[in-house]
Amino acid sequence: PHGDYRVFDVQPGREFTIDGQARHIGDLKPGTVLTGTVTT
């Protein structure tokens, strides 16, 4: 919620699940809301 900008270097082939569909970084459009859950 803080509004700061972060730069991410995404591994080639990394998949995102957008609207239930598997997508790659080239498929992402500005305005897409991403939520990352990191389990350690």
Full PDB file with SEQRES, HELIX, SHEET, SSBOND, CRYST1, ORIGX, SCALE, CONECT and MASTER records, all heavy atoms in Angstrom:
SEQRES   1 A   40  PRO HIS GLY ASP TYR ARG VAL PHE ASP VAL GLN PRO GLY          
SEQRES   2 A   40  ARG GLU PHE THR ILE ASP GLY GLN ALA ARG HIS ILE GLY          
SEQRES   3 A   40  ASP LEU LYS PRO GLY THR VAL LEU THR GLY THR VAL THR          
SEQRES   4 A   40  THR                                                          
HELIX    1 AA1 ILE A   25  ASP A   27  5                                   3    
SHEET    1 AA1 2 PHE A  16  ILE A  18  0                                        
SHEET    2 AA1 2 GLN A  21  ARG A  23 -1                                        
CRYST1    1.000    1.000    1.000  90.00  90.00  90.00 P 1           1          
ORIGX1      1.000000  0.000000  0.000000        0.00000                         
ORIGX2      0.000000  1.000000  0.000000        0.00000                         
ORIGX3      0.000000  0.000000  1.000000        0.00000                         
SCALE1      1.000000  0.000000  0.000000        0.00000                         
SCALE2      0.000000  1.000000  0.000000        0.00000                         
SCALE3      0.000000  0.000000  1.000000        0.00000                         
ATOM      1  N   PRO A   1       0.794  -1.215   0.000  1.00  0.00           N  
ATOM      2  CA  PRO A   1       0.000   0.000   0.000  1.00  0.00           C  
ATOM      3  C   PRO A   1       0.833   1.275   0.000  1.00  0.00           C  
ATOM      4  O   PRO A   1       0.292   2.362  -0.059  1.00  0.00           O  
ATOM      5  CB  PRO A   1      -0.779  -0.113   1.310  1.00  0.00           C  
ATOM      6  CG  PRO A   1       0.153  -0.786   2.247  1.00  0.00           C  
ATOM      7  CD  PRO A   1       0.935  -1.752   1.371  1.00  0.00           C  
ATOM      8  N   HIS A   2       2.168   1.189   0.055  1.00  0.00           N  
ATOM      9  CA  HIS A   2       3.004   2.371   0.269  1.00  0.00           C  
ATOM     10  C   HIS A   2       3.288   3.191  -0.981  1.00  0.00           C  
ATOM     11  O   HIS A   2       3.673   4.357  -0.876  1.00  0.00           O  
ATOM     12  CB  HIS A   2       4.332   1.985   0.940  1.00  0.00           C  
ATOM     13  CG  HIS A   2       4.126   1.292   2.254  1.00  0.00           C  
ATOM     14  ND1 HIS A   2       3.587   1.917   3.345  1.00  0.00           N  
ATOM     15  CD2 HIS A   2       4.361   0.010   2.629  1.00  0.00           C  
ATOM     16  CE1 HIS A   2       3.505   1.066   4.347  1.00  0.00           C  
ATOM     17  NE2 HIS A   2       3.968  -0.103   3.939  1.00  0.00           N  
ATOM     18  N   GLY A   3       3.135   2.617  -2.162  1.00  0.00           N  
ATOM     19  CA  GLY A   3       3.326   3.379  -3.393  1.00  0.00           C  
ATOM     20  C   GLY A   3       4.765   3.482  -3.861  1.00  0.00           C  
ATOM     21  O   GLY A   3       5.037   4.211  -4.817  1.00  0.00           O  
ATOM     22  N   ASP A   4       5.695   2.775  -3.227  1.00  0.00           N  
ATOM     23  CA  ASP A   4       7.076   2.828  -3.688  1.00  0.00           C  
ATOM     24  C   ASP A   4       7.240   1.922  -4.920  1.00  0.00           C  
ATOM     25  O   ASP A   4       6.477   0.983  -5.116  1.00  0.00           O  
ATOM     26  CB  ASP A   4       8.054   2.408  -2.582  1.00  0.00           C  
ATOM     27  CG  ASP A   4       7.732   1.042  -1.982  1.00  0.00           C  
ATOM     28  OD1 ASP A   4       6.544   0.714  -1.837  1.00  0.00           O  
ATOM     29  OD2 ASP A   4       8.682   0.302  -1.658  1.00  0.00           O  
ATOM     30  N   TYR A   5       8.204   2.250  -5.764  1.00  0.00           N  
ATOM     31  CA  TYR A   5       8.446   1.479  -6.980  1.00  0.00           C  
ATOM     32  C   TYR A   5       9.583   0.493  -6.733  1.00  0.00           C  
ATOM     33  O   TYR A   5      10.569   0.821  -6.080  1.00  0.00           O  
ATOM     34  CB  TYR A   5       8.807   2.400  -8.154  1.00  0.00           C  
ATOM     35  CG  TYR A   5       7.611   3.146  -8.679  1.00  0.00           C  
ATOM     36  CD1 TYR A   5       7.243   4.384  -8.149  1.00  0.00           C  
ATOM     37  CD2 TYR A   5       6.831   2.613  -9.701  1.00  0.00           C  
ATOM     38  CE1 TYR A   5       6.134   5.064  -8.620  1.00  0.00           C  
ATOM     39  CE2 TYR A   5       5.721   3.284 -10.178  1.00  0.00           C  
ATOM     40  CZ  TYR A   5       5.374   4.507  -9.630  1.00  0.00           C  
ATOM     41  OH  TYR A   5       4.275   5.180 -10.102  1.00  0.00           O  
ATOM     42  N   ARG A   6       9.420  -0.710  -7.282  1.00  0.00           N  
ATOM     43  CA  ARG A   6      10.477  -1.735  -7.183  1.00  0.00           C  
ATOM     44  C   ARG A   6      10.728  -2.305  -8.564  1.00  0.00           C  
ATOM     45  O   ARG A   6       9.806  -2.475  -9.364  1.00  0.00           O  
ATOM     46  CB  ARG A   6      10.062  -2.858  -6.238  1.00  0.00           C  
ATOM     47  CG  ARG A   6      10.000  -2.339  -4.813  1.00  0.00           C  
ATOM     48  CD  ARG A   6      10.225  -3.302  -3.713  1.00  0.00           C  
ATOM     49  NE  ARG A   6      11.142  -4.388  -3.924  1.00  0.00           N  
ATOM     50  CZ  ARG A   6      11.075  -5.522  -3.241  1.00  0.00           C  
ATOM     51  NH1 ARG A   6      10.119  -5.702  -2.341  1.00  0.00           N  
ATOM     52  NH2 ARG A   6      11.939  -6.474  -3.442  1.00  0.00           N  
ATOM     53  N   VAL A   7      12.000  -2.611  -8.808  1.00  0.00           N  
ATOM     54  CA  VAL A   7      12.414  -3.209 -10.066  1.00  0.00           C  
ATOM     55  C   VAL A   7      12.698  -4.689  -9.811  1.00  0.00           C  
ATOM     56  O   VAL A   7      13.405  -5.037  -8.869  1.00  0.00           O  
ATOM     57  CB  VAL A   7      13.678  -2.516 -10.624  1.00  0.00           C  
ATOM     58  CG1 VAL A   7      14.146  -3.190 -11.905  1.00  0.00           C  
ATOM     59  CG2 VAL A   7      13.415  -1.036 -10.851  1.00  0.00           C  
ATOM     60  N   PHE A   8      12.138  -5.555 -10.643  1.00  0.00           N  
ATOM     61  CA  PHE A   8      12.332  -6.991 -10.514  1.00  0.00           C  
ATOM     62  C   PHE A   8      12.984  -7.520 -11.785  1.00  0.00           C  
ATOM     63  O   PHE A   8      12.566  -7.189 -12.890  1.00  0.00           O  
ATOM     64  CB  PHE A   8      10.982  -7.707 -10.308  1.00  0.00           C  
ATOM     65  CG  PHE A   8      10.301  -7.325  -9.031  1.00  0.00           C  
ATOM     66  CD1 PHE A   8       9.392  -6.263  -9.005  1.00  0.00           C  
ATOM     67  CD2 PHE A   8      10.543  -8.013  -7.864  1.00  0.00           C  
ATOM     68  CE1 PHE A   8       8.746  -5.904  -7.824  1.00  0.00           C  
ATOM     69  CE2 PHE A   8       9.914  -7.671  -6.675  1.00  0.00           C  
ATOM     70  CZ  PHE A   8       9.012  -6.610  -6.659  1.00  0.00           C  
ATOM     71  N   ASP A   9      14.007  -8.344 -11.623  1.00  0.00           N  
ATOM     72  CA  ASP A   9      14.639  -9.041 -12.738  1.00  0.00           C  
ATOM     73  C   ASP A   9      14.024 -10.435 -12.757  1.00  0.00           C  
ATOM     74  O   ASP A   9      14.315 -11.266 -11.908  1.00  0.00           O  
ATOM     75  CB  ASP A   9      16.154  -9.110 -12.537  1.00  0.00           C  
ATOM     76  CG  ASP A   9      16.863  -9.742 -13.712  1.00  0.00           C  
ATOM     77  OD1 ASP A   9      16.331  -9.711 -14.833  1.00  0.00           O  
ATOM     78  OD2 ASP A   9      17.967 -10.299 -13.498  1.00  0.00           O  
ATOM     79  N   VAL A  10      13.148 -10.695 -13.710  1.00  0.00           N  
ATOM     80  CA  VAL A  10      12.372 -11.931 -13.771  1.00  0.00           C  
ATOM     81  C   VAL A  10      13.167 -12.985 -14.546  1.00  0.00           C  
ATOM     82  O   VAL A  10      13.673 -12.713 -15.633  1.00  0.00           O  
ATOM     83  CB  VAL A  10      11.005 -11.678 -14.445  1.00  0.00           C  
ATOM     84  CG1 VAL A  10      10.197 -12.958 -14.533  1.00  0.00           C  
ATOM     85  CG2 VAL A  10      10.246 -10.591 -13.686  1.00  0.00           C  
ATOM     86  N   GLN A  11      13.247 -14.179 -13.978  1.00  0.00           N  
ATOM     87  CA  GLN A  11      13.950 -15.277 -14.644  1.00  0.00           C  
ATOM     88  C   GLN A  11      13.234 -15.628 -15.945  1.00  0.00           C  
ATOM     89  O   GLN A  11      11.997 -15.694 -15.985  1.00  0.00           O  
ATOM     90  CB  GLN A  11      13.978 -16.510 -13.752  1.00  0.00           C  
ATOM     91  CG  GLN A  11      14.810 -16.350 -12.511  1.00  0.00           C  
ATOM     92  CD  GLN A  11      14.748 -17.606 -11.640  1.00  0.00           C  
ATOM     93  OE1 GLN A  11      13.861 -18.422 -11.759  1.00  0.00           O  
ATOM     94  NE2 GLN A  11      15.714 -17.722 -10.750  1.00  0.00           N  
ATOM     95  N   PRO A  12      13.996 -15.887 -16.995  1.00  0.00           N  
ATOM     96  CA  PRO A  12      13.374 -16.295 -18.263  1.00  0.00           C  
ATOM     97  C   PRO A  12      12.531 -17.561 -18.052  1.00  0.00           C  
ATOM     98  O   PRO A  12      12.922 -18.462 -17.320  1.00  0.00           O  
ATOM     99  CB  PRO A  12      14.560 -16.589 -19.186  1.00  0.00           C  
ATOM    100  CG  PRO A  12      15.694 -15.804 -18.595  1.00  0.00           C  
ATOM    101  CD  PRO A  12      15.451 -15.783 -17.110  1.00  0.00           C  
ATOM    102  N   GLY A  13      11.349 -17.589 -18.649  1.00  0.00           N  
ATOM    103  CA  GLY A  13      10.472 -18.753 -18.523  1.00  0.00           C  
ATOM    104  C   GLY A  13       9.584 -18.737 -17.290  1.00  0.00           C  
ATOM    105  O   GLY A  13       8.717 -19.596 -17.135  1.00  0.00           O  
ATOM    106  N   ARG A  14       9.765 -17.760 -16.415  1.00  0.00           N  
ATOM    107  CA  ARG A  14       8.965 -17.662 -15.195  1.00  0.00           C  
ATOM    108  C   ARG A  14       7.499 -17.479 -15.565  1.00  0.00           C  
ATOM    109  O   ARG A  14       7.162 -16.664 -16.410  1.00  0.00           O  
ATOM    110  CB  ARG A  14       9.452 -16.483 -14.361  1.00  0.00           C  
ATOM    111  CG  ARG A  14       8.605 -16.129 -13.184  1.00  0.00           C  
ATOM    112  CD  ARG A  14       8.828 -17.110 -12.081  1.00  0.00           C  
ATOM    113  NE  ARG A  14       8.149 -16.633 -10.878  1.00  0.00           N  
ATOM    114  CZ  ARG A  14       7.715 -17.446  -9.957  1.00  0.00           C  
ATOM    115  NH1 ARG A  14       7.893 -18.725 -10.075  1.00  0.00           N  
ATOM    116  NH2 ARG A  14       7.124 -16.977  -8.904  1.00  0.00           N  
ATOM    117  N   GLU A  15       6.625 -18.267 -14.907  1.00  0.00           N  
ATOM    118  CA  GLU A  15       5.192 -18.163 -15.193  1.00  0.00           C  
ATOM    119  C   GLU A  15       4.463 -17.400 -14.096  1.00  0.00           C  
ATOM    120  O   GLU A  15       4.786 -17.517 -12.926  1.00  0.00           O  
ATOM    121  CB  GLU A  15       4.572 -19.556 -15.350  1.00  0.00           C  
ATOM    122  CG  GLU A  15       4.967 -20.232 -16.637  1.00  0.00           C  
ATOM    123  CD  GLU A  15       4.182 -21.507 -16.902  1.00  0.00           C  
ATOM    124  OE1 GLU A  15       3.455 -21.987 -16.012  1.00  0.00           O  
ATOM    125  OE2 GLU A  15       4.310 -22.027 -18.022  1.00  0.00           O  
ATOM    126  N   PHE A  16       3.491 -16.633 -14.532  1.00  0.00           N  
ATOM    127  CA  PHE A  16       2.579 -15.908 -13.655  1.00  0.00           C  
ATOM    128  C   PHE A  16       1.192 -16.482 -13.920  1.00  0.00           C  
ATOM    129  O   PHE A  16       0.881 -16.819 -15.057  1.00  0.00           O  
ATOM    130  CB  PHE A  16       2.555 -14.409 -14.001  1.00  0.00           C  
ATOM    131  CG  PHE A  16       3.893 -13.728 -13.909  1.00  0.00           C  
ATOM    132  CD1 PHE A  16       4.802 -13.786 -14.963  1.00  0.00           C  
ATOM    133  CD2 PHE A  16       4.234 -13.010 -12.780  1.00  0.00           C  
ATOM    134  CE1 PHE A  16       6.019 -13.152 -14.890  1.00  0.00           C  
ATOM    135  CE2 PHE A  16       5.453 -12.357 -12.701  1.00  0.00           C  
ATOM    136  CZ  PHE A  16       6.354 -12.435 -13.749  1.00  0.00           C  
ATOM    137  N   THR A  17       0.351 -16.568 -12.913  1.00  0.00           N  
ATOM    138  CA  THR A  17      -1.028 -16.998 -13.126  1.00  0.00           C  
ATOM    139  C   THR A  17      -1.889 -15.743 -13.098  1.00  0.00           C  
ATOM    140  O   THR A  17      -2.149 -15.175 -12.048  1.00  0.00           O  
ATOM    141  CB  THR A  17      -1.478 -18.000 -12.035  1.00  0.00           C  
ATOM    142  OG1 THR A  17      -0.564 -19.091 -12.029  1.00  0.00           O  
ATOM    143  CG2 THR A  17      -2.881 -18.501 -12.310  1.00  0.00           C  
ATOM    144  N   ILE A  18      -2.305 -15.289 -14.280  1.00  0.00           N  
ATOM    145  CA  ILE A  18      -3.087 -14.065 -14.424  1.00  0.00           C  
ATOM    146  C   ILE A  18      -4.490 -14.463 -14.854  1.00  0.00           C  
ATOM    147  O   ILE A  18      -4.664 -15.109 -15.894  1.00  0.00           O  
ATOM    148  CB  ILE A  18      -2.455 -13.110 -15.469  1.00  0.00           C  
ATOM    149  CG1 ILE A  18      -0.968 -12.877 -15.165  1.00  0.00           C  
ATOM    150  CG2 ILE A  18      -3.233 -11.802 -15.544  1.00  0.00           C  
ATOM    151  CD1 ILE A  18      -0.674 -12.218 -13.836  1.00  0.00           C  
ATOM    152  N   ASP A  19      -5.481 -14.088 -14.049  1.00  0.00           N  
ATOM    153  CA  ASP A  19      -6.888 -14.423 -14.321  1.00  0.00           C  
ATOM    154  C   ASP A  19      -7.056 -15.926 -14.577  1.00  0.00           C  
ATOM    155  O   ASP A  19      -7.783 -16.342 -15.468  1.00  0.00           O  
ATOM    156  CB  ASP A  19      -7.440 -13.619 -15.502  1.00  0.00           C  
ATOM    157  CG  ASP A  19      -7.385 -12.117 -15.264  1.00  0.00           C  
ATOM    158  OD1 ASP A  19      -7.598 -11.706 -14.098  1.00  0.00           O  
ATOM    159  OD2 ASP A  19      -7.124 -11.377 -16.230  1.00  0.00           O  
ATOM    160  N   GLY A  20      -6.294 -16.744 -13.826  1.00  0.00           N  
ATOM    161  CA  GLY A  20      -6.398 -18.193 -13.940  1.00  0.00           C  
ATOM    162  C   GLY A  20      -5.621 -18.793 -15.096  1.00  0.00           C  
ATOM    163  O   GLY A  20      -5.635 -20.009 -15.279  1.00  0.00           O  
ATOM    164  N   GLN A  21      -4.946 -17.979 -15.888  1.00  0.00           N  
ATOM    165  CA  GLN A  21      -4.199 -18.458 -17.056  1.00  0.00           C  
ATOM    166  C   GLN A  21      -2.691 -18.291 -16.829  1.00  0.00           C  
ATOM    167  O   GLN A  21      -2.249 -17.288 -16.259  1.00  0.00           O  
ATOM    168  CB  GLN A  21      -4.587 -17.641 -18.303  1.00  0.00           C  
ATOM    169  CG  GLN A  21      -6.054 -17.679 -18.653  1.00  0.00           C  
ATOM    170  CD  GLN A  21      -6.442 -19.030 -19.232  1.00  0.00           C  
ATOM    171  OE1 GLN A  21      -5.679 -19.638 -19.967  1.00  0.00           O  
ATOM    172  NE2 GLN A  21      -7.634 -19.499 -18.890  1.00  0.00           N  
ATOM    173  N   ALA A  22      -1.909 -19.257 -17.288  1.00  0.00           N  
ATOM    174  CA  ALA A  22      -0.452 -19.161 -17.199  1.00  0.00           C  
ATOM    175  C   ALA A  22       0.042 -18.120 -18.202  1.00  0.00           C  
ATOM    176  O   ALA A  22      -0.320 -18.167 -19.373  1.00  0.00           O  
ATOM    177  CB  ALA A  22       0.189 -20.512 -17.477  1.00  0.00           C  
ATOM    178  N   ARG A  23       0.818 -17.173 -17.726  1.00  0.00           N  
ATOM    179  CA  ARG A  23       1.358 -16.108 -18.581  1.00  0.00           C  
ATOM    180  C   ARG A  23       2.850 -15.945 -18.289  1.00  0.00           C  
ATOM    181  O   ARG A  23       3.346 -16.358 -17.250  1.00  0.00           O  
ATOM    182  CB  ARG A  23       0.664 -14.771 -18.290  1.00  0.00           C  
ATOM    183  CG  ARG A  23      -0.824 -14.781 -18.498  1.00  0.00           C  
ATOM    184  CD  ARG A  23      -1.128 -14.686 -19.974  1.00  0.00           C  
ATOM    185  NE  ARG A  23      -2.569 -14.565 -20.157  1.00  0.00           N  
ATOM    186  CZ  ARG A  23      -3.247 -15.300 -21.001  1.00  0.00           C  
ATOM    187  NH1 ARG A  23      -2.657 -16.181 -21.749  1.00  0.00           N  
ATOM    188  NH2 ARG A  23      -4.547 -15.146 -21.116  1.00  0.00           N  
ATOM    189  N   HIS A  24       3.542 -15.284 -19.249  1.00  0.00           N  
ATOM    190  CA  HIS A  24       4.956 -14.968 -19.086  1.00  0.00           C  
ATOM    191  C   HIS A  24       5.112 -13.459 -18.990  1.00  0.00           C  
ATOM    192  O   HIS A  24       4.163 -12.709 -19.237  1.00  0.00           O  
ATOM    193  CB  HIS A  24       5.771 -15.542 -20.245  1.00  0.00           C  
ATOM    194  CG  HIS A  24       5.778 -17.038 -20.243  1.00  0.00           C  
ATOM    195  ND1 HIS A  24       4.844 -17.783 -20.912  1.00  0.00           N  
ATOM    196  CD2 HIS A  24       6.591 -17.917 -19.615  1.00  0.00           C  
ATOM    197  CE1 HIS A  24       5.082 -19.070 -20.711  1.00  0.00           C  
ATOM    198  NE2 HIS A  24       6.138 -19.175 -19.924  1.00  0.00           N  
ATOM    199  N   ILE A  25       6.313 -13.014 -18.701  1.00  0.00           N  
ATOM    200  CA  ILE A  25       6.540 -11.589 -18.478  1.00  0.00           C  
ATOM    201  C   ILE A  25       6.143 -10.745 -19.685  1.00  0.00           C  
ATOM    202  O   ILE A  25       5.614  -9.645 -19.534  1.00  0.00           O  
ATOM    203  CB  ILE A  25       8.001 -11.301 -18.046  1.00  0.00           C  
ATOM    204  CG1 ILE A  25       8.125  -9.847 -17.585  1.00  0.00           C  
ATOM    205  CG2 ILE A  25       8.982 -11.658 -19.125  1.00  0.00           C  
ATOM    206  CD1 ILE A  25       9.382  -9.538 -16.833  1.00  0.00           C  
ATOM    207  N   GLY A  26       6.330 -11.233 -20.887  1.00  0.00           N  
ATOM    208  CA  GLY A  26       5.967 -10.485 -22.087  1.00  0.00           C  
ATOM    209  C   GLY A  26       4.463 -10.298 -22.241  1.00  0.00           C  
ATOM    210  O   GLY A  26       4.008  -9.438 -23.001  1.00  0.00           O  
ATOM    211  N   ASP A  27       3.668 -11.102 -21.519  1.00  0.00           N  
ATOM    212  CA  ASP A  27       2.213 -11.002 -21.583  1.00  0.00           C  
ATOM    213  C   ASP A  27       1.653  -9.970 -20.609  1.00  0.00           C  
ATOM    214  O   ASP A  27       0.463  -9.648 -20.677  1.00  0.00           O  
ATOM    215  CB  ASP A  27       1.572 -12.364 -21.265  1.00  0.00           C  
ATOM    216  CG  ASP A  27       2.020 -13.451 -22.221  1.00  0.00           C  
ATOM    217  OD1 ASP A  27       2.231 -13.159 -23.417  1.00  0.00           O  
ATOM    218  OD2 ASP A  27       2.173 -14.608 -21.765  1.00  0.00           O  
ATOM    219  N   LEU A  28       2.484  -9.482 -19.686  1.00  0.00           N  
ATOM    220  CA  LEU A  28       1.993  -8.552 -18.659  1.00  0.00           C  
ATOM    221  C   LEU A  28       1.793  -7.162 -19.250  1.00  0.00           C  
ATOM    222  O   LEU A  28       2.604  -6.686 -20.035  1.00  0.00           O  
ATOM    223  CB  LEU A  28       2.968  -8.492 -17.482  1.00  0.00           C  
ATOM    224  CG  LEU A  28       3.208  -9.798 -16.737  1.00  0.00           C  
ATOM    225  CD1 LEU A  28       4.206  -9.589 -15.601  1.00  0.00           C  
ATOM    226  CD2 LEU A  28       1.909 -10.372 -16.198  1.00  0.00           C  
ATOM    227  N   LYS A  29       0.710  -6.535 -18.859  1.00  0.00           N  
ATOM    228  CA  LYS A  29       0.375  -5.183 -19.323  1.00  0.00           C  
ATOM    229  C   LYS A  29       0.401  -4.230 -18.132  1.00  0.00           C  
ATOM    230  O   LYS A  29       0.100  -4.626 -16.997  1.00  0.00           O  
ATOM    231  CB  LYS A  29      -1.037  -5.159 -19.931  1.00  0.00           C  
ATOM    232  CG  LYS A  29      -1.251  -6.174 -21.033  1.00  0.00           C  
ATOM    233  CD  LYS A  29      -0.513  -5.761 -22.282  1.00  0.00           C  
ATOM    234  CE  LYS A  29      -0.804  -6.754 -23.397  1.00  0.00           C  
ATOM    235  NZ  LYS A  29       0.356  -7.141 -24.119  1.00  0.00           N  
ATOM    236  N   PRO A  30       0.733  -2.956 -18.375  1.00  0.00           N  
ATOM    237  CA  PRO A  30       0.646  -1.979 -17.287  1.00  0.00           C  
ATOM    238  C   PRO A  30      -0.761  -1.985 -16.696  1.00  0.00           C  
ATOM    239  O   PRO A  30      -1.750  -2.135 -17.406  1.00  0.00           O  
ATOM    240  CB  PRO A  30       0.953  -0.641 -17.972  1.00  0.00           C  
ATOM    241  CG  PRO A  30       1.830  -1.035 -19.134  1.00  0.00           C  
ATOM    242  CD  PRO A  30       1.251  -2.349 -19.601  1.00  0.00           C  
ATOM    243  N   GLY A  31      -0.807  -1.901 -15.364  1.00  0.00           N  
ATOM    244  CA  GLY A  31      -2.085  -1.927 -14.652  1.00  0.00           C  
ATOM    245  C   GLY A  31      -2.428  -3.310 -14.103  1.00  0.00           C  
ATOM    246  O   GLY A  31      -3.355  -3.448 -13.303  1.00  0.00           O  
ATOM    247  N   THR A  32      -1.698  -4.361 -14.528  1.00  0.00           N  
ATOM    248  CA  THR A  32      -1.938  -5.697 -13.990  1.00  0.00           C  
ATOM    249  C   THR A  32      -1.540  -5.711 -12.517  1.00  0.00           C  
ATOM    250  O   THR A  32      -0.449  -5.261 -12.155  1.00  0.00           O  
ATOM    251  CB  THR A  32      -1.113  -6.767 -14.757  1.00  0.00           C  
ATOM    252  OG1 THR A  32      -1.457  -6.708 -16.141  1.00  0.00           O  
ATOM    253  CG2 THR A  32      -1.367  -8.151 -14.217  1.00  0.00           C  
ATOM    254  N   VAL A  33      -2.432  -6.197 -11.672  1.00  0.00           N  
ATOM    255  CA  VAL A  33      -2.150  -6.291 -10.239  1.00  0.00           C  
ATOM    256  C   VAL A  33      -1.548  -7.673  -9.970  1.00  0.00           C  
ATOM    257  O   VAL A  33      -2.159  -8.697 -10.277  1.00  0.00           O  
ATOM    258  CB  VAL A  33      -3.432  -6.099  -9.394  1.00  0.00           C  
ATOM    259  CG1 VAL A  33      -3.123  -6.269  -7.910  1.00  0.00           C  
ATOM    260  CG2 VAL A  33      -4.059  -4.740  -9.670  1.00  0.00           C  
ATOM    261  N   LEU A  34      -0.344  -7.679  -9.411  1.00  0.00           N  
ATOM    262  CA  LEU A  34       0.343  -8.929  -9.096  1.00  0.00           C  
ATOM    263  C   LEU A  34       0.444  -9.101  -7.588  1.00  0.00           C  
ATOM    264  O   LEU A  34       0.723  -8.144  -6.872  1.00  0.00           O  
ATOM    265  CB  LEU A  34       1.762  -8.935  -9.686  1.00  0.00           C  
ATOM    266  CG  LEU A  34       1.885  -8.838 -11.193  1.00  0.00           C  
ATOM    267  CD1 LEU A  34       3.362  -8.735 -11.592  1.00  0.00           C  
ATOM    268  CD2 LEU A  34       1.247 -10.053 -11.846  1.00  0.00           C  
ATOM    269  N   THR A  35       0.240 -10.318  -7.133  1.00  0.00           N  
ATOM    270  CA  THR A  35       0.439 -10.652  -5.717  1.00  0.00           C  
ATOM    271  C   THR A  35       1.407 -11.825  -5.661  1.00  0.00           C  
ATOM    272  O   THR A  35       1.155 -12.877  -6.254  1.00  0.00           O  
ATOM    273  CB  THR A  35      -0.886 -11.026  -5.033  1.00  0.00           C  
ATOM    274  OG1 THR A  35      -1.772  -9.907  -5.127  1.00  0.00           O  
ATOM    275  CG2 THR A  35      -0.663 -11.377  -3.577  1.00  0.00           C  
ATOM    276  N   GLY A  36       2.514 -11.612  -4.984  1.00  0.00           N  
ATOM    277  CA  GLY A  36       3.519 -12.665  -4.822  1.00  0.00           C  
ATOM    278  C   GLY A  36       3.477 -13.193  -3.403  1.00  0.00           C  
ATOM    279  O   GLY A  36       3.470 -12.421  -2.441  1.00  0.00           O  
ATOM    280  N   THR A  37       3.411 -14.496  -3.271  1.00  0.00           N  
ATOM    281  CA  THR A  37       3.471 -15.143  -1.965  1.00  0.00           C  
ATOM    282  C   THR A  37       4.760 -15.952  -1.911  1.00  0.00           C  
ATOM    283  O   THR A  37       4.974 -16.852  -2.728  1.00  0.00           O  
ATOM    284  CB  THR A  37       2.259 -16.070  -1.750  1.00  0.00           C  
ATOM    285  OG1 THR A  37       1.063 -15.299  -1.914  1.00  0.00           O  
ATOM    286  CG2 THR A  37       2.275 -16.683  -0.365  1.00  0.00           C  
ATOM    287  N   VAL A  38       5.613 -15.591  -0.959  1.00  0.00           N  
ATOM    288  CA  VAL A  38       6.895 -16.270  -0.797  1.00  0.00           C  
ATOM    289  C   VAL A  38       6.818 -17.111   0.471  1.00  0.00           C  
ATOM    290  O   VAL A  38       6.613 -16.586   1.570  1.00  0.00           O  
ATOM    291  CB  VAL A  38       8.061 -15.263  -0.687  1.00  0.00           C  
ATOM    292  CG1 VAL A  38       9.384 -15.996  -0.511  1.00  0.00           C  
ATOM    293  CG2 VAL A  38       8.097 -14.351  -1.899  1.00  0.00           C  
ATOM    294  N   THR A  39       6.969 -18.414   0.307  1.00  0.00           N  
ATOM    295  CA  THR A  39       6.991 -19.325   1.446  1.00  0.00           C  
ATOM    296  C   THR A  39       8.433 -19.769   1.642  1.00  0.00           C  
ATOM    297  O   THR A  39       9.057 -20.311   0.724  1.00  0.00           O  
ATOM    298  CB  THR A  39       6.091 -20.553   1.195  1.00  0.00           C  
ATOM    299  OG1 THR A  39       4.770 -20.082   0.907  1.00  0.00           O  
ATOM    300  CG2 THR A  39       6.064 -21.475   2.384  1.00  0.00           C  
ATOM    301  N   THR A  40       8.976 -19.517   2.839  1.00  0.00           N  
ATOM    302  CA  THR A  40      10.356 -19.859   3.149  1.00  0.00           C  
ATOM    303  C   THR A  40      10.375 -20.921   4.236  1.00  0.00           C  
ATOM    304  O   THR A  40       9.719 -20.768   5.270  1.00  0.00           O  
ATOM    305  CB  THR A  40      11.130 -18.617   3.620  1.00  0.00           C  
ATOM    306  OG1 THR A  40      11.043 -17.609   2.608  1.00  0.00           O  
ATOM    307  CG2 THR A  40      12.593 -18.942   3.889  1.00  0.00           C  
TER     308      THR A  40                                                      
MASTER        0    0    0    1    2    0    0    6  307    1    0    4          
END                                                                             
